[in-house]
Amino acid sequence: MLTLYNYVTAFYSVVLVSCVQPANWSSCVAVWDWVPPYIDDFKVFVSEKPYELESIYLLNFDKNL
């Protein structure tokens, strides 16, 4: 739950606060450019355990020695 809170806080502080400034409006208007990566990251966050691929690699690495 803390990780989700960190993601929401980071999104707020980076995206929403930056989009309030008129100098950044041209970048913020193109939502289709910057939203899909967040959606993909959220899918990975929900579907995989943290460091799952790394732990599998390390377990297989020990067996190959």
N, C-alpha and C. Protein backbone atom coordinates (compact mmCIF):
# COMPACT_ATOMS: atom_id res chain seq x y z
N MET A 1 0.82 -1.19 0.00
CA MET A 1 0.00 0.00 0.00
C MET A 1 0.87 1.26 0.00
N LEU A 2 1.99 1.17 0.67
CA LEU A 2 2.90 2.31 0.71
C LEU A 2 3.47 2.61 -0.67
N THR A 3 3.72 1.57 -1.45
CA THR A 3 4.24 1.77 -2.80
C THR A 3 3.24 2.51 -3.67
N LEU A 4 1.98 2.14 -3.56
CA LEU A 4 0.93 2.83 -4.32
C LEU A 4 0.86 4.30 -3.91
N TYR A 5 0.96 4.55 -2.62
CA TYR A 5 0.98 5.93 -2.14
C TYR A 5 2.16 6.70 -2.72
N ASN A 6 3.33 6.06 -2.78
CA ASN A 6 4.51 6.71 -3.35
C ASN A 6 4.31 7.04 -4.83
N TYR A 7 3.70 6.11 -5.58
CA TYR A 7 3.44 6.37 -7.00
C TYR A 7 2.49 7.54 -7.18
N VAL A 8 1.43 7.58 -6.39
CA VAL A 8 0.45 8.67 -6.51
C VAL A 8 1.08 10.00 -6.12
N THR A 9 1.87 10.00 -5.07
CA THR A 9 2.54 11.22 -4.64
C THR A 9 3.53 11.71 -5.69
N ALA A 10 4.29 10.80 -6.26
CA ALA A 10 5.25 11.18 -7.30
C ALA A 10 4.53 11.70 -8.54
N PHE A 11 3.44 11.06 -8.93
CA PHE A 11 2.67 11.52 -10.08
C PHE A 11 2.15 12.93 -9.83
N TYR A 12 1.64 13.17 -8.66
CA TYR A 12 1.12 14.49 -8.32
C TYR A 12 2.23 15.54 -8.37
N SER A 13 3.34 15.25 -7.73
CA SER A 13 4.40 16.25 -7.63
C SER A 13 5.11 16.49 -8.96
N VAL A 14 5.20 15.48 -9.80
CA VAL A 14 5.93 15.65 -11.07
C VAL A 14 5.00 16.14 -12.18
N VAL A 15 3.88 15.49 -12.35
CA VAL A 15 3.02 15.78 -13.49
C VAL A 15 2.06 16.94 -13.21
N LEU A 16 1.28 16.81 -12.19
CA LEU A 16 0.23 17.81 -11.96
C LEU A 16 0.79 19.18 -11.57
N VAL A 17 1.78 19.20 -10.73
CA VAL A 17 2.36 20.48 -10.33
C VAL A 17 3.08 21.14 -11.51
N SER A 18 3.73 20.34 -12.34
CA SER A 18 4.42 20.90 -13.51
C SER A 18 3.44 21.42 -14.55
N CYS A 19 2.29 20.77 -14.69
CA CYS A 19 1.32 21.18 -15.70
C CYS A 19 0.56 22.45 -15.31
N VAL A 20 0.70 22.90 -14.10
CA VAL A 20 0.04 24.13 -13.69
C VAL A 20 0.75 25.35 -14.28
N GLN A 21 2.03 25.23 -14.52
CA GLN A 21 2.81 26.35 -15.04
C GLN A 21 2.56 26.52 -16.54
N PRO A 22 2.26 27.73 -16.99
CA PRO A 22 1.96 27.95 -18.41
C PRO A 22 3.08 27.55 -19.37
N ALA A 23 4.31 27.60 -18.93
CA ALA A 23 5.42 27.22 -19.81
C ALA A 23 5.37 25.74 -20.18
N ASN A 24 4.76 24.91 -19.36
CA ASN A 24 4.71 23.47 -19.61
C ASN A 24 3.41 23.00 -20.25
N TRP A 25 2.50 23.88 -20.54
CA TRP A 25 1.19 23.48 -21.06
C TRP A 25 1.30 22.74 -22.39
N SER A 26 2.24 23.11 -23.23
CA SER A 26 2.36 22.44 -24.53
C SER A 26 2.74 20.96 -24.35
N SER A 27 3.52 20.65 -23.34
CA SER A 27 3.89 19.26 -23.08
C SER A 27 2.77 18.49 -22.40
N CYS A 28 1.99 19.17 -21.59
CA CYS A 28 0.93 18.50 -20.83
C CYS A 28 -0.32 18.24 -21.66
N VAL A 29 -0.51 19.00 -22.73
CA VAL A 29 -1.70 18.83 -23.55
C VAL A 29 -1.68 17.49 -24.28
N ALA A 30 -0.52 17.05 -24.69
CA ALA A 30 -0.39 15.79 -25.43
C ALA A 30 -0.45 14.61 -24.46
N VAL A 31 -1.63 14.36 -23.93
CA VAL A 31 -1.82 13.31 -22.92
C VAL A 31 -1.49 11.93 -23.49
N TRP A 32 -1.79 11.71 -24.76
CA TRP A 32 -1.55 10.40 -25.38
C TRP A 32 -0.06 10.07 -25.47
N ASP A 33 0.81 11.05 -25.25
CA ASP A 33 2.25 10.78 -25.27
C ASP A 33 2.78 10.34 -23.92
N TRP A 34 2.24 10.88 -22.83
CA TRP A 34 2.84 10.58 -21.53
C TRP A 34 2.00 9.69 -20.64
N VAL A 35 0.75 9.43 -20.97
CA VAL A 35 -0.06 8.55 -20.12
C VAL A 35 0.20 7.06 -20.37
N PRO A 36 0.34 6.60 -21.62
CA PRO A 36 0.54 5.15 -21.82
C PRO A 36 1.71 4.54 -21.06
N PRO A 37 2.87 5.19 -20.93
CA PRO A 37 3.93 4.58 -20.11
C PRO A 37 3.52 4.39 -18.65
N TYR A 38 2.74 5.32 -18.11
CA TYR A 38 2.26 5.15 -16.74
C TYR A 38 1.31 3.97 -16.63
N ILE A 39 0.48 3.77 -17.63
CA ILE A 39 -0.45 2.64 -17.62
C ILE A 39 0.31 1.33 -17.72
N ASP A 40 1.32 1.28 -18.58
CA ASP A 40 2.14 0.06 -18.70
C ASP A 40 2.89 -0.24 -17.40
N ASP A 41 3.44 0.78 -16.78
CA ASP A 41 4.13 0.58 -15.50
C ASP A 41 3.17 0.07 -14.43
N PHE A 42 1.95 0.58 -14.43
CA PHE A 42 0.95 0.14 -13.45
C PHE A 42 0.58 -1.32 -13.69
N LYS A 43 0.46 -1.74 -14.95
CA LYS A 43 0.16 -3.15 -15.26
C LYS A 43 1.26 -4.07 -14.74
N VAL A 44 2.49 -3.68 -14.95
CA VAL A 44 3.62 -4.48 -14.46
C VAL A 44 3.65 -4.49 -12.94
N PHE A 45 3.37 -3.36 -12.33
CA PHE A 45 3.35 -3.25 -10.87
C PHE A 45 2.30 -4.18 -10.26
N VAL A 46 1.15 -4.28 -10.90
CA VAL A 46 0.07 -5.10 -10.37
C VAL A 46 0.30 -6.58 -10.66
N SER A 47 0.89 -6.90 -11.80
CA SER A 47 0.96 -8.30 -12.22
C SER A 47 2.21 -9.04 -11.73
N GLU A 48 3.28 -8.35 -11.41
CA GLU A 48 4.52 -9.03 -11.03
C GLU A 48 4.95 -8.65 -9.62
N LYS A 49 5.60 -9.60 -8.97
CA LYS A 49 6.19 -9.30 -7.67
C LYS A 49 7.45 -8.45 -7.89
N PRO A 50 7.81 -7.62 -6.94
CA PRO A 50 9.03 -6.83 -7.11
C PRO A 50 10.27 -7.72 -7.24
N TYR A 51 11.09 -7.41 -8.20
CA TYR A 51 12.35 -8.11 -8.46
C TYR A 51 12.14 -9.60 -8.73
N GLU A 52 11.02 -9.96 -9.31
CA GLU A 52 10.73 -11.36 -9.59
C GLU A 52 11.69 -11.94 -10.62
N LEU A 53 11.93 -11.22 -11.71
CA LEU A 53 12.82 -11.71 -12.74
C LEU A 53 14.26 -11.81 -12.24
N GLU A 54 14.66 -10.87 -11.42
CA GLU A 54 16.02 -10.91 -10.87
C GLU A 54 16.21 -12.10 -9.94
N SER A 55 15.20 -12.38 -9.13
CA SER A 55 15.33 -13.51 -8.21
C SER A 55 15.35 -14.83 -8.97
N ILE A 56 14.57 -14.94 -10.02
CA ILE A 56 14.59 -16.17 -10.84
C ILE A 56 15.97 -16.34 -11.47
N TYR A 57 16.53 -15.26 -11.98
CA TYR A 57 17.86 -15.32 -12.57
C TYR A 57 18.89 -15.77 -11.55
N LEU A 58 18.84 -15.20 -10.36
CA LEU A 58 19.83 -15.56 -9.34
C LEU A 58 19.66 -17.00 -8.87
N LEU A 59 18.43 -17.49 -8.78
CA LEU A 59 18.23 -18.88 -8.41
C LEU A 59 18.78 -19.82 -9.47
N ASN A 60 18.57 -19.49 -10.73
CA ASN A 60 19.12 -20.32 -11.81
C ASN A 60 20.63 -20.19 -11.90
N PHE A 61 21.17 -19.04 -11.57
CA PHE A 61 22.61 -18.83 -11.60
C PHE A 61 23.31 -19.73 -10.60
N ASP A 62 22.74 -19.87 -9.41
CA ASP A 62 23.33 -20.75 -8.38
C ASP A 62 23.32 -22.20 -8.83
N LYS A 63 22.30 -22.63 -9.55
CA LYS A 63 22.21 -24.01 -9.99
C LYS A 63 23.23 -24.33 -11.08
N ASN A 64 23.63 -23.33 -11.84
CA ASN A 64 24.57 -23.55 -12.93
C ASN A 64 26.02 -23.59 -12.46
N LEU A 65 26.28 -23.28 -11.22
CA LEU A 65 27.67 -23.29 -10.74
C LEU A 65 28.16 -24.65 -10.42
